[in-house]
C-alpha cells in the first residue's frame, strides 16, 4: 500500500476511534459540515447542561501516528505540522479546538477480537493548544499531550467541561470617547 493511502486509512481509523469512544461514553459526535480546512475532524457534544452551558461542544483535530513518543513521566509528544499548530493555538474560535493524537502500532493489530468484545489497540491523549506561542520552526512543532488527558469517559468529559463551555469574550482596548 502506498504511503499516502496508508496515511489516509490511518487518519480515518483515528477519527472513527474517537467517535466510537464518544458514542460509548454517551456523547454525541459528528463530522464538521466542511472539508478539513478548519483543522477539525470530529465535533463532540455533551447533551445537557455543564457549568451553565447547554450542550457544550468542541471541535477535535485527530492525528493518528505510529510515531507517538512517551516520556519518562508518562506524557506523550507528537510532531505537529505548523499549519495545524497555528490554527489550534488561536484563542478566538467560536467553538474551541482540541488536538487528539492516537498512537498505533506500525505492524501490529489495530483491532483485536477478545472473548469480552472488540478491543481498539493503541493509546492516545488530547491537549488544547489555545494561547500557545508562535513556533520558531518552519515545518513541525513538538507538542506535549498530558497522559492524564485520556481518550475515555473521564478524559472526554474533562475536555468538554474545560473547553466546551461558554467563556467570556475578550474585549479589545478601544477608547470610544477619544480621550486617550
N, C-alpha and C. Protein backbone atom coordinates (compact mmCIF):
# COMPACT_ATOMS: atom_id res chain seq x y z
N UNK A 1 0.84 -1.17 0.00
CA UNK A 1 0.00 0.00 0.00
C UNK A 1 0.89 1.25 0.00
N UNK A 2 0.53 2.23 -0.82
CA UNK A 2 1.31 3.46 -0.89
C UNK A 2 1.19 4.24 0.42
N UNK A 3 2.21 5.05 0.71
CA UNK A 3 2.25 5.80 1.98
C UNK A 3 1.07 6.75 2.11
N UNK A 4 0.68 7.42 1.03
CA UNK A 4 -0.43 8.36 1.08
C UNK A 4 -1.74 7.64 1.43
N UNK A 5 -1.95 6.47 0.83
CA UNK A 5 -3.15 5.68 1.14
C UNK A 5 -3.11 5.21 2.59
N UNK A 6 -1.94 4.78 3.04
CA UNK A 6 -1.78 4.32 4.42
C UNK A 6 -2.10 5.45 5.39
N UNK A 7 -1.61 6.67 5.11
CA UNK A 7 -1.87 7.81 5.97
C UNK A 7 -3.36 8.14 6.03
N UNK A 8 -4.05 8.05 4.88
CA UNK A 8 -5.49 8.34 4.84
C UNK A 8 -6.26 7.31 5.66
N UNK A 9 -5.92 6.03 5.49
CA UNK A 9 -6.61 4.99 6.26
C UNK A 9 -6.31 5.12 7.74
N UNK A 10 -5.08 5.42 8.08
CA UNK A 10 -4.69 5.61 9.47
C UNK A 10 -5.45 6.77 10.08
N UNK A 11 -5.57 7.89 9.35
CA UNK A 11 -6.31 9.05 9.84
C UNK A 11 -7.78 8.73 10.02
N UNK A 12 -8.36 8.02 9.08
CA UNK A 12 -9.77 7.63 9.17
C UNK A 12 -9.99 6.75 10.39
N UNK A 13 -9.05 5.85 10.66
CA UNK A 13 -9.14 4.96 11.81
C UNK A 13 -9.17 5.78 13.11
N UNK A 14 -8.29 6.77 13.22
CA UNK A 14 -8.24 7.59 14.44
C UNK A 14 -9.53 8.37 14.66
N UNK A 15 -10.09 8.92 13.59
CA UNK A 15 -11.35 9.67 13.71
C UNK A 15 -12.48 8.73 14.14
N UNK A 16 -12.53 7.54 13.52
CA UNK A 16 -13.56 6.56 13.88
C UNK A 16 -13.37 6.11 15.33
N UNK A 17 -12.12 5.95 15.76
CA UNK A 17 -11.80 5.57 17.14
C UNK A 17 -12.44 6.57 18.11
N UNK A 18 -12.19 7.86 17.88
CA UNK A 18 -12.72 8.88 18.77
C UNK A 18 -14.25 8.87 18.76
N UNK A 19 -14.86 8.69 17.60
CA UNK A 19 -16.32 8.66 17.52
C UNK A 19 -16.88 7.44 18.27
N UNK A 20 -16.24 6.29 18.16
CA UNK A 20 -16.70 5.09 18.87
C UNK A 20 -16.60 5.30 20.38
N UNK A 21 -15.49 5.83 20.84
CA UNK A 21 -15.32 6.07 22.27
C UNK A 21 -16.37 7.08 22.76
N UNK A 22 -16.57 8.15 22.00
CA UNK A 22 -17.57 9.16 22.38
C UNK A 22 -18.96 8.53 22.47
N UNK A 23 -19.33 7.75 21.47
CA UNK A 23 -20.64 7.10 21.48
C UNK A 23 -20.77 6.17 22.69
N UNK A 24 -19.70 5.44 22.99
CA UNK A 24 -19.72 4.54 24.13
C UNK A 24 -19.81 5.26 25.46
N UNK A 25 -19.43 6.54 25.47
CA UNK A 25 -19.48 7.35 26.69
C UNK A 25 -20.77 8.17 26.78
N UNK A 26 -21.66 8.00 25.82
CA UNK A 26 -22.92 8.74 25.84
C UNK A 26 -22.81 10.16 25.32
N UNK A 27 -21.74 10.46 24.58
CA UNK A 27 -21.58 11.79 24.00
C UNK A 27 -22.04 11.76 22.55
N UNK A 28 -22.62 12.86 22.10
CA UNK A 28 -22.95 12.99 20.69
C UNK A 28 -21.69 13.36 19.93
N UNK A 29 -21.62 12.95 18.68
CA UNK A 29 -20.44 13.24 17.87
C UNK A 29 -20.87 13.37 16.42
N UNK A 30 -20.08 14.05 15.66
CA UNK A 30 -20.36 14.20 14.25
C UNK A 30 -19.18 14.80 13.52
N UNK A 31 -19.33 14.87 12.22
CA UNK A 31 -18.29 15.47 11.38
C UNK A 31 -18.66 16.92 11.14
N UNK A 32 -17.68 17.82 11.18
CA UNK A 32 -17.98 19.21 10.79
C UNK A 32 -18.52 19.23 9.35
N UNK A 33 -19.31 20.23 9.04
CA UNK A 33 -20.01 20.28 7.76
C UNK A 33 -19.14 20.70 6.59
N UNK A 34 -17.87 20.95 6.82
CA UNK A 34 -16.99 21.41 5.75
C UNK A 34 -15.82 20.47 5.59
N UNK A 35 -15.04 20.69 4.54
CA UNK A 35 -13.78 19.98 4.39
C UNK A 35 -12.89 20.32 5.56
N UNK A 36 -11.81 19.60 5.72
CA UNK A 36 -10.90 19.82 6.85
C UNK A 36 -10.05 21.07 6.65
N UNK A 37 -10.70 22.17 6.28
CA UNK A 37 -9.99 23.43 6.12
C UNK A 37 -9.89 24.17 7.45
N UNK A 38 -10.69 23.75 8.42
CA UNK A 38 -10.70 24.40 9.73
C UNK A 38 -9.87 23.64 10.75
N UNK A 39 -9.22 22.57 10.31
CA UNK A 39 -8.43 21.72 11.21
C UNK A 39 -9.33 21.17 12.31
N UNK A 40 -10.44 20.56 11.88
CA UNK A 40 -11.40 19.95 12.80
C UNK A 40 -11.99 18.71 12.12
N UNK A 41 -11.78 17.55 12.73
CA UNK A 41 -12.25 16.29 12.15
C UNK A 41 -13.54 15.79 12.78
N UNK A 42 -13.68 15.96 14.10
CA UNK A 42 -14.82 15.42 14.83
C UNK A 42 -15.34 16.49 15.79
N UNK A 43 -16.65 16.64 15.84
CA UNK A 43 -17.25 17.54 16.82
C UNK A 43 -17.87 16.68 17.91
N UNK A 44 -17.61 17.02 19.16
CA UNK A 44 -18.16 16.31 20.31
C UNK A 44 -19.12 17.22 21.07
N UNK A 45 -20.23 16.63 21.54
CA UNK A 45 -21.24 17.36 22.31
C UNK A 45 -21.59 16.56 23.56
N UNK A 46 -21.80 17.26 24.64
CA UNK A 46 -22.37 16.66 25.85
C UNK A 46 -23.81 17.14 25.94
N UNK A 47 -24.74 16.20 25.90
CA UNK A 47 -26.17 16.59 25.99
C UNK A 47 -26.48 17.02 27.41
N UNK A 48 -27.10 18.18 27.52
CA UNK A 48 -27.48 18.67 28.83
C UNK A 48 -26.70 19.92 29.18
N UNK A 49 -26.73 20.26 30.46
CA UNK A 49 -26.08 21.48 30.95
C UNK A 49 -24.82 21.12 31.72
N UNK A 50 -23.76 21.80 31.40
CA UNK A 50 -22.48 21.62 32.09
C UNK A 50 -21.93 23.00 32.41
N UNK A 51 -21.76 23.30 33.69
CA UNK A 51 -21.23 24.58 34.14
C UNK A 51 -21.96 25.76 33.49
N UNK A 52 -23.29 25.67 33.41
CA UNK A 52 -24.10 26.76 32.88
C UNK A 52 -24.19 26.83 31.37
N UNK A 53 -23.63 25.88 30.66
CA UNK A 53 -23.69 25.87 29.20
C UNK A 53 -24.53 24.69 28.75
N UNK A 54 -25.53 24.97 27.92
CA UNK A 54 -26.40 23.92 27.38
C UNK A 54 -25.71 23.28 26.18
N UNK A 55 -25.57 21.97 26.19
CA UNK A 55 -24.93 21.19 25.12
C UNK A 55 -23.53 21.69 24.78
N UNK A 56 -22.59 21.67 25.74
CA UNK A 56 -21.22 22.11 25.42
C UNK A 56 -20.63 21.28 24.28
N UNK A 57 -19.78 21.93 23.48
CA UNK A 57 -19.21 21.27 22.30
C UNK A 57 -17.78 21.72 22.07
N UNK A 58 -16.99 20.84 21.45
CA UNK A 58 -15.64 21.16 20.99
C UNK A 58 -15.46 20.56 19.60
N UNK A 59 -14.49 21.10 18.87
CA UNK A 59 -14.06 20.53 17.60
C UNK A 59 -12.69 19.91 17.83
N UNK A 60 -12.52 18.67 17.39
CA UNK A 60 -11.28 17.94 17.65
C UNK A 60 -10.57 17.64 16.34
N UNK A 61 -9.30 18.02 16.29
CA UNK A 61 -8.42 17.63 15.19
C UNK A 61 -7.76 16.33 15.63
N UNK A 62 -7.96 15.27 14.87
CA UNK A 62 -7.44 13.95 15.25
C UNK A 62 -6.24 13.62 14.37
N UNK A 63 -5.17 13.23 15.02
CA UNK A 63 -3.98 12.74 14.33
C UNK A 63 -3.75 11.30 14.78
N UNK A 64 -3.41 10.44 13.84
CA UNK A 64 -3.11 9.05 14.15
C UNK A 64 -1.70 8.79 13.63
N UNK A 65 -0.89 8.18 14.48
CA UNK A 65 0.52 8.03 14.13
C UNK A 65 1.10 6.72 14.66
N UNK A 66 2.14 6.28 14.00
CA UNK A 66 2.92 5.15 14.51
C UNK A 66 4.15 5.68 15.25
N UNK A 67 4.25 7.00 15.37
CA UNK A 67 5.42 7.64 15.98
C UNK A 67 5.07 8.48 17.21
N UNK A 68 4.09 8.05 17.99
CA UNK A 68 3.75 8.76 19.23
C UNK A 68 4.77 8.36 20.28
N UNK A 69 5.46 9.34 20.82
CA UNK A 69 6.52 9.08 21.80
C UNK A 69 5.99 9.26 23.22
N UNK A 70 6.52 8.47 24.14
CA UNK A 70 6.13 8.57 25.55
C UNK A 70 7.36 8.93 26.37
N UNK A 71 7.23 9.96 27.20
CA UNK A 71 8.36 10.41 28.01
C UNK A 71 8.42 9.62 29.31
N UNK A 72 9.46 9.84 30.08
CA UNK A 72 9.66 9.13 31.35
C UNK A 72 8.53 9.41 32.33
N UNK A 73 7.93 10.62 32.25
CA UNK A 73 6.84 10.95 33.17
C UNK A 73 5.48 10.43 32.69
N UNK A 74 5.46 9.76 31.54
CA UNK A 74 4.22 9.16 31.05
C UNK A 74 3.47 9.99 30.02
N UNK A 75 3.84 11.27 29.87
CA UNK A 75 3.18 12.11 28.88
C UNK A 75 3.63 11.71 27.48
N UNK A 76 2.89 12.17 26.49
CA UNK A 76 3.18 11.86 25.09
C UNK A 76 3.71 13.10 24.39
N UNK A 77 4.46 12.89 23.31
CA UNK A 77 4.86 14.01 22.47
C UNK A 77 4.64 13.62 21.02
N UNK A 78 4.34 14.65 20.22
CA UNK A 78 3.99 14.44 18.83
C UNK A 78 4.48 15.63 18.02
N UNK A 79 4.98 15.37 16.81
CA UNK A 79 5.44 16.42 15.91
C UNK A 79 4.27 16.87 15.05
N UNK A 80 3.69 18.01 15.38
CA UNK A 80 2.52 18.55 14.69
C UNK A 80 2.97 19.52 13.61
N UNK A 81 2.34 19.43 12.43
CA UNK A 81 2.69 20.35 11.35
C UNK A 81 2.34 21.79 11.76
N UNK A 82 3.12 22.74 11.27
CA UNK A 82 2.99 24.14 11.68
C UNK A 82 1.63 24.73 11.29
N UNK A 83 1.11 24.39 10.14
CA UNK A 83 -0.19 24.93 9.72
C UNK A 83 -1.28 24.55 10.73
N UNK A 84 -1.29 23.31 11.14
CA UNK A 84 -2.28 22.87 12.13
C UNK A 84 -2.00 23.49 13.49
N UNK A 85 -0.74 23.55 13.87
CA UNK A 85 -0.36 24.17 15.14
C UNK A 85 -0.88 25.61 15.21
N UNK A 86 -0.67 26.36 14.14
CA UNK A 86 -1.10 27.77 14.13
C UNK A 86 -2.61 27.92 14.25
N UNK A 87 -3.37 27.03 13.63
CA UNK A 87 -4.84 27.10 13.76
C UNK A 87 -5.27 26.73 15.17
N UNK A 88 -4.70 25.67 15.71
CA UNK A 88 -5.13 25.19 17.03
C UNK A 88 -4.69 26.07 18.18
N UNK A 89 -3.67 26.89 17.99
CA UNK A 89 -3.22 27.76 19.08
C UNK A 89 -4.01 29.07 19.17
N UNK A 90 -4.86 29.31 18.17
CA UNK A 90 -5.68 30.53 18.19
C UNK A 90 -6.61 30.51 19.39
N UNK A 91 -6.91 31.69 19.93
CA UNK A 91 -7.83 31.76 21.07
C UNK A 91 -9.12 32.50 20.72
N UNK A 92 -9.43 32.60 19.42
CA UNK A 92 -10.63 33.33 19.02
C UNK A 92 -11.64 32.48 18.25
N UNK A 93 -11.57 31.17 18.40
CA UNK A 93 -12.55 30.29 17.76
C UNK A 93 -13.90 30.39 18.48
N UNK A 94 -14.98 30.36 17.72
CA UNK A 94 -16.31 30.33 18.33
C UNK A 94 -16.51 29.00 19.06
N UNK A 95 -16.10 27.91 18.43
CA UNK A 95 -16.09 26.60 19.06
C UNK A 95 -14.63 26.21 19.22
N UNK A 96 -14.24 25.98 20.45
CA UNK A 96 -12.83 25.77 20.74
C UNK A 96 -12.30 24.47 20.15
N UNK A 97 -11.00 24.47 19.83
CA UNK A 97 -10.33 23.37 19.16
C UNK A 97 -9.47 22.58 20.14
N UNK A 98 -9.42 21.28 19.89
CA UNK A 98 -8.63 20.35 20.69
C UNK A 98 -7.83 19.49 19.72
N UNK A 99 -6.64 19.10 20.11
CA UNK A 99 -5.84 18.14 19.36
C UNK A 99 -5.90 16.81 20.10
N UNK A 100 -6.27 15.75 19.39
CA UNK A 100 -6.21 14.38 19.93
C UNK A 100 -5.24 13.60 19.06
N UNK A 101 -4.33 12.89 19.69
CA UNK A 101 -3.36 12.08 18.95
C UNK A 101 -3.49 10.64 19.44
N UNK A 102 -3.64 9.74 18.47
CA UNK A 102 -3.76 8.32 18.77
C UNK A 102 -2.56 7.60 18.18
N UNK A 103 -1.86 6.87 19.01
CA UNK A 103 -0.70 6.09 18.58
C UNK A 103 -1.10 4.65 18.34
N UNK A 104 -0.74 4.15 17.18
CA UNK A 104 -1.00 2.75 16.82
C UNK A 104 0.31 2.08 16.44
N UNK A 105 0.31 0.78 16.46
CA UNK A 105 1.48 0.00 16.10
C UNK A 105 1.69 0.04 14.59
N UNK A 106 2.93 0.13 14.17
CA UNK A 106 3.24 0.17 12.74
C UNK A 106 2.89 -1.14 12.05
N UNK A 107 3.19 -2.25 12.68
CA UNK A 107 3.00 -3.54 12.06
C UNK A 107 1.96 -4.42 12.75
N UNK A 108 1.46 -3.95 13.90
CA UNK A 108 0.56 -4.81 14.67
C UNK A 108 -0.90 -4.58 14.36
N UNK A 109 -1.72 -5.24 15.15
CA UNK A 109 -3.16 -5.13 15.02
C UNK A 109 -3.64 -3.78 15.53
N UNK A 110 -4.69 -3.27 14.93
CA UNK A 110 -5.33 -2.05 15.42
C UNK A 110 -6.66 -2.38 16.09
N UNK A 111 -7.20 -3.55 15.76
CA UNK A 111 -8.44 -4.04 16.35
C UNK A 111 -8.22 -5.50 16.69
N UNK A 112 -8.66 -5.88 17.89
CA UNK A 112 -8.49 -7.26 18.32
C UNK A 112 -9.82 -7.78 18.85
N UNK A 113 -10.19 -8.97 18.42
CA UNK A 113 -11.40 -9.61 18.93
C UNK A 113 -11.04 -10.41 20.17
N UNK A 114 -11.69 -10.10 21.28
CA UNK A 114 -11.46 -10.76 22.56
C UNK A 114 -12.75 -11.45 22.98
N UNK A 115 -12.71 -12.41 23.88
CA UNK A 115 -13.95 -13.04 24.35
C UNK A 115 -14.95 -12.03 24.93
N UNK A 116 -14.44 -10.96 25.55
CA UNK A 116 -15.31 -9.95 26.13
C UNK A 116 -15.85 -8.96 25.10
N UNK A 117 -15.25 -8.90 23.92
CA UNK A 117 -15.70 -7.97 22.89
C UNK A 117 -14.54 -7.51 22.01
N UNK A 118 -14.79 -6.47 21.26
CA UNK A 118 -13.80 -5.93 20.34
C UNK A 118 -12.96 -4.88 21.06
N UNK A 119 -11.65 -4.94 20.88
CA UNK A 119 -10.71 -4.06 21.56
C UNK A 119 -9.99 -3.20 20.53
N UNK A 120 -9.99 -1.89 20.75
CA UNK A 120 -9.18 -0.98 19.93
C UNK A 120 -7.77 -1.01 20.51
N UNK A 121 -6.77 -1.25 19.69
CA UNK A 121 -5.41 -1.42 20.16
C UNK A 121 -4.61 -0.16 19.84
N UNK A 122 -4.14 0.50 20.86
CA UNK A 122 -3.36 1.73 20.72
C UNK A 122 -3.52 2.55 21.98
N UNK A 123 -3.06 3.77 21.92
CA UNK A 123 -3.18 4.67 23.06
C UNK A 123 -3.12 6.10 22.55
N UNK A 124 -3.55 7.03 23.36
CA UNK A 124 -3.51 8.42 22.94
C UNK A 124 -3.97 9.36 24.02
N UNK A 125 -3.97 10.63 23.68
CA UNK A 125 -4.33 11.68 24.63
C UNK A 125 -4.75 12.91 23.84
N UNK A 126 -5.18 13.94 24.56
CA UNK A 126 -5.61 15.19 23.93
C UNK A 126 -4.99 16.37 24.65
N UNK A 127 -4.99 17.50 23.95
CA UNK A 127 -4.48 18.74 24.54
C UNK A 127 -5.11 19.93 23.82
N UNK A 128 -5.28 21.02 24.55
CA UNK A 128 -5.64 22.28 23.93
C UNK A 128 -4.36 23.08 23.74
N UNK A 129 -4.17 23.59 22.54
CA UNK A 129 -3.00 24.43 22.25
C UNK A 129 -3.37 25.91 22.28
N UNK A 130 -4.58 26.20 22.68
CA UNK A 130 -5.10 27.57 22.71
C UNK A 130 -4.15 28.48 23.50
N UNK A 131 -3.75 29.58 22.86
CA UNK A 131 -2.89 30.54 23.53
C UNK A 131 -1.40 30.20 23.51
N UNK A 132 -1.01 29.09 22.91
CA UNK A 132 0.41 28.75 22.83
C UNK A 132 1.13 29.80 21.97
N UNK A 133 2.42 29.99 22.20
CA UNK A 133 3.16 30.98 21.42
C UNK A 133 3.41 30.50 19.99
N UNK A 134 3.70 31.44 19.09
CA UNK A 134 4.07 31.04 17.73
C UNK A 134 5.32 30.16 17.76
N UNK A 135 5.42 29.27 16.80
CA UNK A 135 6.58 28.40 16.72
C UNK A 135 7.69 29.11 15.95
N UNK A 136 8.91 28.81 16.31
CA UNK A 136 10.05 29.32 15.56
C UNK A 136 10.46 28.33 14.47
N UNK A 137 9.78 27.20 14.41
CA UNK A 137 10.11 26.16 13.44
C UNK A 137 9.36 26.39 12.13
N UNK A 138 9.87 25.83 11.06
CA UNK A 138 9.26 26.01 9.74
C UNK A 138 8.30 24.89 9.36
N UNK A 139 8.53 23.68 9.85
CA UNK A 139 7.71 22.55 9.40
C UNK A 139 6.86 21.92 10.49
N UNK A 140 7.45 21.62 11.65
CA UNK A 140 6.71 20.96 12.72
C UNK A 140 7.02 21.59 14.07
N UNK A 141 6.11 21.34 15.01
CA UNK A 141 6.28 21.79 16.39
C UNK A 141 5.99 20.60 17.29
N UNK A 142 6.90 20.29 18.19
CA UNK A 142 6.66 19.21 19.14
C UNK A 142 5.63 19.70 20.16
N UNK A 143 4.57 18.93 20.33
CA UNK A 143 3.57 19.26 21.34
C UNK A 143 3.53 18.13 22.37
N UNK A 144 3.28 18.51 23.61
CA UNK A 144 3.17 17.56 24.71
C UNK A 144 1.69 17.30 24.97
N UNK A 145 1.33 16.05 25.09
CA UNK A 145 -0.04 15.65 25.41
C UNK A 145 -0.02 14.99 26.79
N UNK A 146 -0.62 15.62 27.80
CA UNK A 146 -0.60 15.04 29.14
C UNK A 146 -1.28 13.67 29.17
N UNK A 147 -0.62 12.70 29.78
CA UNK A 147 -1.18 11.35 29.88
C UNK A 147 -2.50 11.35 30.63
N UNK A 148 -2.71 12.34 31.50
CA UNK A 148 -3.96 12.44 32.26
C UNK A 148 -5.14 12.83 31.38
N UNK A 149 -4.88 13.37 30.18
CA UNK A 149 -5.95 13.75 29.25
C UNK A 149 -6.28 12.55 28.36
N UNK A 150 -6.92 11.58 28.95
CA UNK A 150 -7.20 10.32 28.29
C UNK A 150 -8.35 10.42 27.29
N UNK A 151 -8.38 9.47 26.37
CA UNK A 151 -9.45 9.39 25.39
C UNK A 151 -10.45 8.32 25.84
N UNK A 152 -11.07 8.59 26.99
CA UNK A 152 -12.08 7.72 27.57
C UNK A 152 -13.15 8.61 28.20
N UNK A 153 -14.10 8.00 28.91
CA UNK A 153 -15.22 8.76 29.51
C UNK A 153 -14.71 9.92 30.37
N UNK A 154 -13.80 9.63 31.29
CA UNK A 154 -13.29 10.67 32.19
C UNK A 154 -12.58 11.77 31.42
N UNK A 155 -11.72 11.39 30.49
CA UNK A 155 -10.95 12.38 29.73
C UNK A 155 -11.81 13.22 28.80
N UNK A 156 -12.77 12.60 28.13
CA UNK A 156 -13.63 13.37 27.21
C UNK A 156 -14.56 14.30 27.97
N UNK A 157 -15.04 13.87 29.12
CA UNK A 157 -15.90 14.77 29.93
C UNK A 157 -15.08 15.94 30.47
N UNK A 158 -13.84 15.68 30.86
CA UNK A 158 -12.95 16.76 31.28
C UNK A 158 -12.75 17.76 30.14
N UNK A 159 -12.52 17.25 28.94
CA UNK A 159 -12.34 18.10 27.77
C UNK A 159 -13.55 19.01 27.57
N UNK A 160 -14.74 18.45 27.63
CA UNK A 160 -15.95 19.25 27.39
C UNK A 160 -16.23 20.22 28.54
N UNK A 161 -15.95 19.82 29.78
CA UNK A 161 -16.14 20.73 30.92
C UNK A 161 -15.19 21.91 30.84
N UNK A 162 -13.98 21.64 30.40
CA UNK A 162 -12.96 22.70 30.39
C UNK A 162 -13.01 23.56 29.14
N UNK A 163 -13.30 22.97 27.96
CA UNK A 163 -13.20 23.71 26.71
C UNK A 163 -14.51 23.81 25.94
N UNK A 164 -15.54 23.10 26.35
CA UNK A 164 -16.81 23.14 25.63
C UNK A 164 -17.80 24.14 26.18
N UNK A 165 -17.52 24.69 27.35
CA UNK A 165 -18.45 25.62 28.00
C UNK A 165 -18.18 27.06 27.57
N UNK A 166 -19.16 27.90 27.82
CA UNK A 166 -19.01 29.32 27.47
C UNK A 166 -17.84 29.94 28.21
N UNK A 167 -17.30 30.96 27.58
CA UNK A 167 -16.23 31.74 28.20
C UNK A 167 -16.50 33.19 27.87
N UNK A 168 -15.89 34.07 28.60
CA UNK A 168 -16.08 35.48 28.30
C UNK A 168 -15.34 35.83 27.01
N UNK A 169 -15.85 36.81 26.32
CA UNK A 169 -15.25 37.24 25.07
C UNK A 169 -14.24 38.33 25.35
N UNK A 170 -13.02 38.21 24.83
CA UNK A 170 -12.04 39.28 25.03
C UNK A 170 -12.51 40.57 24.37
N UNK A 171 -12.36 41.66 25.07
CA UNK A 171 -12.76 42.96 24.54
C UNK A 171 -11.49 43.74 24.22
N UNK A 172 -11.36 44.23 22.97
CA UNK A 172 -10.16 44.99 22.63
C UNK A 172 -10.11 46.32 23.38
N UNK A 173 -8.90 46.79 23.61
CA UNK A 173 -8.71 48.09 24.24
C UNK A 173 -9.03 49.18 23.24
N UNK A 174 -10.20 49.79 23.38
CA UNK A 174 -10.64 50.84 22.47
C UNK A 174 -11.14 52.00 23.31
N UNK A 175 -10.67 53.18 23.00
CA UNK A 175 -11.16 54.38 23.67
C UNK A 175 -12.25 54.98 22.80
N UNK A 176 -13.49 54.61 23.06
CA UNK A 176 -14.62 55.07 22.24
C UNK A 176 -14.84 56.58 22.34
N UNK A 177 -14.34 57.22 23.38
CA UNK A 177 -14.56 58.65 23.57
C UNK A 177 -13.39 59.48 23.07
N UNK A 178 -12.34 58.84 22.59
CA UNK A 178 -11.19 59.58 22.07
C UNK A 178 -10.45 60.36 23.12
N UNK A 179 -10.52 59.92 24.36
CA UNK A 179 -9.90 60.65 25.46
C UNK A 179 -8.44 60.32 25.66
N UNK A 180 -7.89 59.38 24.89
CA UNK A 180 -6.51 59.00 25.15
C UNK A 180 -5.53 59.93 24.53
